[in-house]
Amino acid sequence: MLGLDSGALATSLNSTPTFCHSRAFGSYSLSAQCRAAHTEAQHQEAGIASDGQANRDHNDLEENDMIDDGDDLDDDELQQMLQDNEADAGAMTDTANTDWGAKGLLVAQQVLQQDGMQELALFSLMASPKHKQLKIRLDKPGDEYGSPSLDEIALFSRHFSEEYHRAIGEAAEEVAVEVSSPGAERQVRVPQDLQRFQHLPMLVTFQLQDSNKVDTKVMELVEYSEADSTAEWKLADVRQNRSGKGVSKLSKKQSGQRWKVALEALQKVNLHLEV
């Protein structure tokens, strides 16, 4: 059963915002199917048979609310952008050499300086010329998981819409703007986010020492050493790491294992969500 106690926002400047959130996944969804999933969950909770309802809701969405998921950046592309970005803030930005994208970045930065926005930060901004789409992900450094609230997302979106129209005029009507959180399984920027999420389980892909082999484990950070550019890890106490069905914790041997990994050997790090 899906709980719907906080939310998400996918919005186009020339359409009505669509709100949706899943407690089970804890992240903001940008896809048109999100609203359909919301409806499906409500029907299931009420005990109503709802075959085909999600499809009907999906088809009822206005064209401006539709999002082509096929144009989203995959994890490898996002990770490469993280590695290529050398800004201290670590924000991933790609305006695709477009004027409307560059103006969007400037407006987003200005809005984040306004009253009520100081607790938020830009996680990423991506322009997609193919669909004339601007995708903005907002971070909240003071939150345990870095997730802004629905109200904060909506407030930013409203202010951004006003300022973006003011900046580029009627041309803003042609740009579809999406605003979201980085997601429950957000990428962890290395090294700047390691200590920030030290207490949370992370899915870590790394190259084994003195080997070309790559391993992936759900781990927690023990210590980050800036001096020698290494991170020491231990297994996270999650179901995926426990030795058998019904086992409620790691074995003593597992709890004592450690991996010391050079930062350059960390290929990808994401928060791990246990569902």
Protein backbone atom coordinates (compact mmCIF):
# COMPACT_ATOMS: atom_id res chain seq x y z
CA MET A 1 0.00 0.00 0.00
CA LEU A 2 1.33 3.38 -0.99
CA GLY A 3 1.33 6.26 1.48
CA LEU A 4 1.01 9.79 0.16
CA ASP A 5 1.99 12.10 3.01
CA SER A 6 4.36 14.53 1.29
CA GLY A 7 5.04 15.38 -2.25
CA ALA A 8 6.67 16.20 -5.52
CA LEU A 9 6.32 18.68 -8.27
CA ALA A 10 6.69 18.48 -12.02
CA THR A 11 5.68 21.77 -13.54
CA SER A 12 5.55 23.46 -16.90
CA LEU A 13 5.49 27.24 -16.96
CA ASN A 14 2.52 27.13 -19.32
CA SER A 15 0.52 24.44 -17.50
CA THR A 16 -0.87 23.47 -14.11
CA PRO A 17 1.71 21.92 -11.72
CA THR A 18 1.40 18.20 -11.03
CA PHE A 19 2.06 17.10 -7.45
CA CYS A 20 2.93 13.56 -6.45
CA HIS A 21 4.97 11.72 -3.86
CA SER A 22 5.46 8.20 -2.62
CA ARG A 23 6.40 7.64 1.03
CA ALA A 24 7.72 4.22 0.01
CA PHE A 25 10.28 5.75 -2.31
CA GLY A 26 10.72 9.08 -0.56
CA SER A 27 11.58 11.06 -3.66
CA TYR A 28 10.04 13.53 -6.07
CA SER A 29 8.87 12.03 -9.33
CA LEU A 30 9.02 13.96 -12.59
CA SER A 31 7.19 11.52 -14.83
CA ALA A 32 3.62 11.86 -16.02
CA GLN A 33 3.01 8.35 -14.70
CA CYS A 34 3.47 9.71 -11.17
CA ARG A 35 -0.04 11.14 -11.04
CA ALA A 36 -1.39 7.86 -12.43
CA ALA A 37 0.47 5.96 -9.71
CA HIS A 38 -1.02 8.30 -7.12
CA THR A 39 -4.53 7.53 -8.37
CA GLU A 40 -3.80 3.81 -8.44
CA ALA A 41 -2.60 3.93 -4.83
CA GLN A 42 -5.72 5.76 -3.72
CA HIS A 43 -7.90 3.14 -5.36
CA GLN A 44 -5.96 0.32 -3.74
CA GLU A 45 -6.22 1.97 -0.33
CA ALA A 46 -9.98 2.33 -0.73
CA GLY A 47 -10.27 -1.28 -1.84
CA ILE A 48 -11.56 -0.30 -5.27
CA ALA A 49 -10.71 -2.33 -8.36
CA SER A 50 -8.87 0.08 -10.61
CA ASP A 51 -7.62 -1.85 -13.62
CA GLY A 52 -6.74 0.55 -16.39
CA GLN A 53 -7.29 3.62 -14.22
CA ALA A 54 -3.61 4.58 -14.28
CA ASN A 55 -3.62 4.48 -18.06
CA ARG A 56 -6.76 6.63 -18.22
CA ASP A 57 -5.23 9.19 -15.87
CA HIS A 58 -2.05 9.14 -17.91
CA ASN A 59 -3.95 9.79 -21.12
CA ASP A 60 -5.93 12.60 -19.49
CA LEU A 61 -2.78 14.59 -18.78
CA GLU A 62 -2.43 17.70 -20.85
CA GLU A 63 0.32 17.66 -23.42
CA ASN A 64 2.31 20.25 -21.50
CA ASP A 65 2.42 17.96 -18.45
CA MET A 66 3.92 15.07 -20.41
CA ILE A 67 7.57 14.23 -19.95
CA ASP A 68 9.68 12.08 -22.21
CA ASP A 69 11.57 9.87 -19.75
CA GLY A 70 13.76 8.63 -22.57
CA ASP A 71 15.55 11.97 -22.62
CA ASP A 72 16.60 11.76 -18.96
CA LEU A 73 20.28 11.44 -18.15
CA ASP A 74 21.20 7.99 -16.89
CA ASP A 75 23.33 7.35 -13.81
CA ASP A 76 26.58 7.06 -15.75
CA GLU A 77 26.01 10.40 -17.49
CA LEU A 78 25.15 12.10 -14.21
CA GLN A 79 28.20 10.60 -12.54
CA GLN A 80 30.44 11.85 -15.36
CA MET A 81 29.00 15.32 -14.96
CA LEU A 82 29.73 15.17 -11.24
CA GLN A 83 33.33 14.22 -11.95
CA ASP A 84 33.71 16.94 -14.57
CA ASN A 85 32.30 19.68 -12.36
CA GLU A 86 34.99 21.38 -10.30
CA ALA A 87 32.85 24.03 -8.61
CA ASP A 88 33.00 24.03 -4.83
CA ALA A 89 29.20 23.84 -4.65
CA GLY A 90 29.27 20.74 -6.81
CA ALA A 91 26.14 21.73 -8.72
CA MET A 92 25.80 20.01 -12.07
CA THR A 93 24.83 22.53 -14.72
CA ASP A 94 24.46 22.16 -18.46
CA THR A 95 22.70 24.93 -20.33
CA ALA A 96 23.40 23.21 -23.67
CA ASN A 97 24.77 26.49 -25.06
CA THR A 98 21.27 27.93 -25.17
CA ASP A 99 20.32 31.45 -24.17
CA TRP A 100 17.12 30.25 -22.45
CA GLY A 101 19.14 27.69 -20.52
CA ALA A 102 21.75 30.23 -19.43
CA LYS A 103 19.04 32.67 -18.38
CA GLY A 104 17.33 29.84 -16.50
CA LEU A 105 20.52 29.12 -14.55
CA LEU A 106 20.94 32.80 -13.66
CA VAL A 107 17.32 33.08 -12.55
CA ALA A 108 17.54 29.89 -10.46
CA GLN A 109 20.62 31.25 -8.67
CA GLN A 110 18.88 34.57 -8.02
CA VAL A 111 15.69 32.94 -6.72
CA LEU A 112 17.71 30.86 -4.25
CA GLN A 113 18.91 34.14 -2.71
CA GLN A 114 15.37 35.33 -1.99
CA ASP A 115 13.63 35.21 1.39
CA GLY A 116 12.48 31.74 2.29
CA MET A 117 14.90 30.09 -0.12
CA GLN A 118 18.15 30.28 1.86
CA GLU A 119 17.90 26.69 3.11
CA LEU A 120 17.90 25.37 -0.45
CA ALA A 121 20.75 24.94 -2.92
CA LEU A 122 21.03 24.05 -6.58
CA PHE A 123 21.86 20.37 -7.07
CA SER A 124 21.59 20.36 -10.85
CA LEU A 125 20.16 22.26 -13.78
CA MET A 126 19.97 20.63 -17.21
CA ALA A 127 18.68 22.11 -20.46
CA SER A 128 17.34 19.75 -23.12
CA PRO A 129 17.16 21.51 -26.51
CA LYS A 130 15.40 18.51 -28.05
CA HIS A 131 12.28 19.14 -25.99
CA LYS A 132 13.09 22.72 -24.95
CA GLN A 133 13.01 21.53 -21.36
CA LEU A 134 14.73 22.81 -18.24
CA LYS A 135 15.19 20.32 -15.41
CA ILE A 136 16.06 21.73 -11.99
CA ARG A 137 16.91 19.63 -8.93
CA LEU A 138 17.03 21.34 -5.56
CA ASP A 139 19.09 20.23 -2.59
CA LYS A 140 18.47 21.00 1.07
CA PRO A 141 21.80 20.74 2.91
CA GLY A 142 20.16 20.98 6.34
CA ASP A 143 17.91 17.97 5.76
CA GLU A 144 19.08 14.48 6.69
CA TYR A 145 18.42 13.20 3.19
CA GLY A 146 18.85 16.50 1.37
CA SER A 147 15.17 16.60 0.37
CA PRO A 148 13.26 19.89 0.19
CA SER A 149 9.63 19.81 1.27
CA LEU A 150 6.75 20.02 -1.18
CA ASP A 151 6.02 23.57 -0.01
CA GLU A 152 9.62 24.61 -0.66
CA ILE A 153 9.57 23.04 -4.13
CA ALA A 154 6.30 24.81 -4.93
CA LEU A 155 7.54 28.15 -3.58
CA PHE A 156 10.72 27.98 -5.64
CA SER A 157 8.75 26.97 -8.72
CA ARG A 158 6.37 29.91 -8.35
CA HIS A 159 9.16 32.44 -7.87
CA PHE A 160 11.19 30.94 -10.70
CA SER A 161 8.22 31.17 -13.06
CA GLU A 162 7.71 34.84 -12.27
CA GLU A 163 11.38 35.77 -12.61
CA TYR A 164 11.94 33.65 -15.71
CA HIS A 165 9.05 35.34 -17.50
CA ARG A 166 10.47 38.68 -16.45
CA ALA A 167 13.91 37.70 -17.79
CA ILE A 168 13.01 36.34 -21.23
CA GLY A 169 9.43 37.47 -21.76
CA GLU A 170 7.03 35.45 -23.89
CA ALA A 171 9.82 33.03 -24.81
CA ALA A 172 9.35 31.49 -21.36
CA GLU A 173 6.02 30.08 -22.56
CA GLU A 174 7.92 27.76 -24.89
CA VAL A 175 10.14 26.26 -22.16
CA ALA A 176 8.90 23.34 -20.06
CA VAL A 177 10.38 23.66 -16.58
CA GLU A 178 10.56 20.77 -14.10
CA VAL A 179 11.53 21.24 -10.47
CA SER A 180 12.31 18.33 -8.14
CA SER A 181 14.43 17.00 -5.31
CA PRO A 182 17.56 14.98 -6.18
CA GLY A 183 15.67 11.76 -5.34
CA ALA A 184 15.76 9.22 -2.55
CA GLU A 185 18.71 7.39 -4.13
CA ARG A 186 20.52 10.59 -5.04
CA GLN A 187 24.08 10.55 -6.16
CA VAL A 188 26.61 11.42 -3.50
CA ARG A 189 29.17 13.92 -4.69
CA VAL A 190 32.72 12.81 -3.95
CA PRO A 191 34.35 14.00 -1.81
CA GLN A 192 32.17 16.92 -0.66
CA ASP A 193 29.07 14.90 0.26
CA LEU A 194 30.77 11.89 1.87
CA GLN A 195 30.81 13.15 5.45
CA ARG A 196 27.42 14.79 5.01
CA PHE A 197 25.79 11.38 4.46
CA GLN A 198 28.21 9.39 6.62
CA HIS A 199 25.42 8.01 8.84
CA LEU A 200 23.38 6.69 5.88
CA PRO A 201 23.84 3.49 3.85
CA MET A 202 25.30 4.12 0.41
CA LEU A 203 25.53 1.97 -2.68
CA VAL A 204 29.22 2.18 -3.55
CA THR A 205 30.80 1.00 -6.81
CA PHE A 206 34.58 0.95 -6.60
CA GLN A 207 37.65 -0.56 -8.23
CA LEU A 208 39.37 -3.17 -6.14
CA GLN A 209 42.90 -2.41 -5.02
CA ASP A 210 45.63 -3.73 -7.34
CA SER A 211 42.98 -5.05 -9.70
CA ASN A 212 40.89 -4.05 -12.70
CA LYS A 213 37.85 -5.65 -11.11
CA VAL A 214 34.95 -3.55 -9.89
CA ASP A 215 32.75 -4.34 -6.91
CA THR A 216 29.49 -2.85 -5.62
CA LYS A 217 28.44 -3.00 -1.97
CA VAL A 218 25.98 -1.26 0.34
CA MET A 219 28.26 0.41 2.87
CA GLU A 220 28.57 3.19 5.41
CA LEU A 221 31.44 5.61 5.59
CA VAL A 222 33.73 5.06 8.59
CA GLU A 223 36.24 7.81 7.89
CA TYR A 224 37.20 10.16 5.11
CA SER A 225 40.83 11.24 4.98
CA GLU A 226 41.41 14.42 3.03
CA ALA A 227 45.17 14.11 3.62
CA ASP A 228 45.62 10.89 1.68
CA SER A 229 42.41 11.09 -0.41
CA THR A 230 40.92 7.85 0.86
CA ALA A 231 37.63 6.72 2.35
CA GLU A 232 37.28 3.83 4.78
CA TRP A 233 34.04 1.87 4.57
CA LYS A 234 32.17 -0.82 6.47
CA LEU A 235 29.17 -2.93 5.49
CA ALA A 236 25.87 -1.22 6.18
CA ASP A 237 23.48 -3.09 8.43
CA VAL A 238 20.79 -3.56 5.77
CA ARG A 239 18.84 -6.58 4.61
CA GLN A 240 20.95 -6.94 1.47
CA ASN A 241 24.07 -7.59 3.58
CA ARG A 242 22.60 -9.96 6.16
CA SER A 243 23.54 -13.60 5.82
CA GLY A 244 20.13 -15.25 5.61
CA LYS A 245 16.37 -14.95 5.76
CA GLY A 246 15.13 -13.80 9.13
CA VAL A 247 18.58 -12.60 10.23
CA SER A 248 18.15 -9.23 11.93
CA LYS A 249 21.73 -7.97 12.00
CA LEU A 250 25.19 -8.43 10.52
CA SER A 251 27.44 -11.19 11.79
CA LYS A 252 30.42 -10.30 13.96
CA LYS A 253 32.74 -11.03 11.04
CA GLN A 254 30.77 -8.80 8.71
CA SER A 255 30.67 -5.99 11.25
CA GLY A 256 34.45 -6.06 11.53
CA GLN A 257 35.20 -5.90 7.81
CA ARG A 258 36.71 -2.68 6.44
CA TRP A 259 37.55 -1.39 2.96
CA LYS A 260 39.97 1.47 2.45
CA VAL A 261 39.33 2.92 -0.99
CA ALA A 262 41.14 5.71 -2.80
CA LEU A 263 38.76 8.45 -3.91
CA GLU A 264 39.85 7.99 -7.50
CA ALA A 265 38.73 4.35 -7.27
CA LEU A 266 35.18 5.35 -6.31
CA GLN A 267 33.27 5.04 -9.57
CA LYS A 268 29.77 5.77 -8.32
CA VAL A 269 28.16 6.48 -4.93
CA ASN A 270 24.43 6.74 -4.28
CA LEU A 271 22.27 6.77 -1.20
CA HIS A 272 20.74 3.35 -0.63
CA LEU A 273 17.01 3.04 -0.02
CA GLU A 274 15.81 -0.13 1.65
CA VAL A 275 12.22 -0.94 0.72
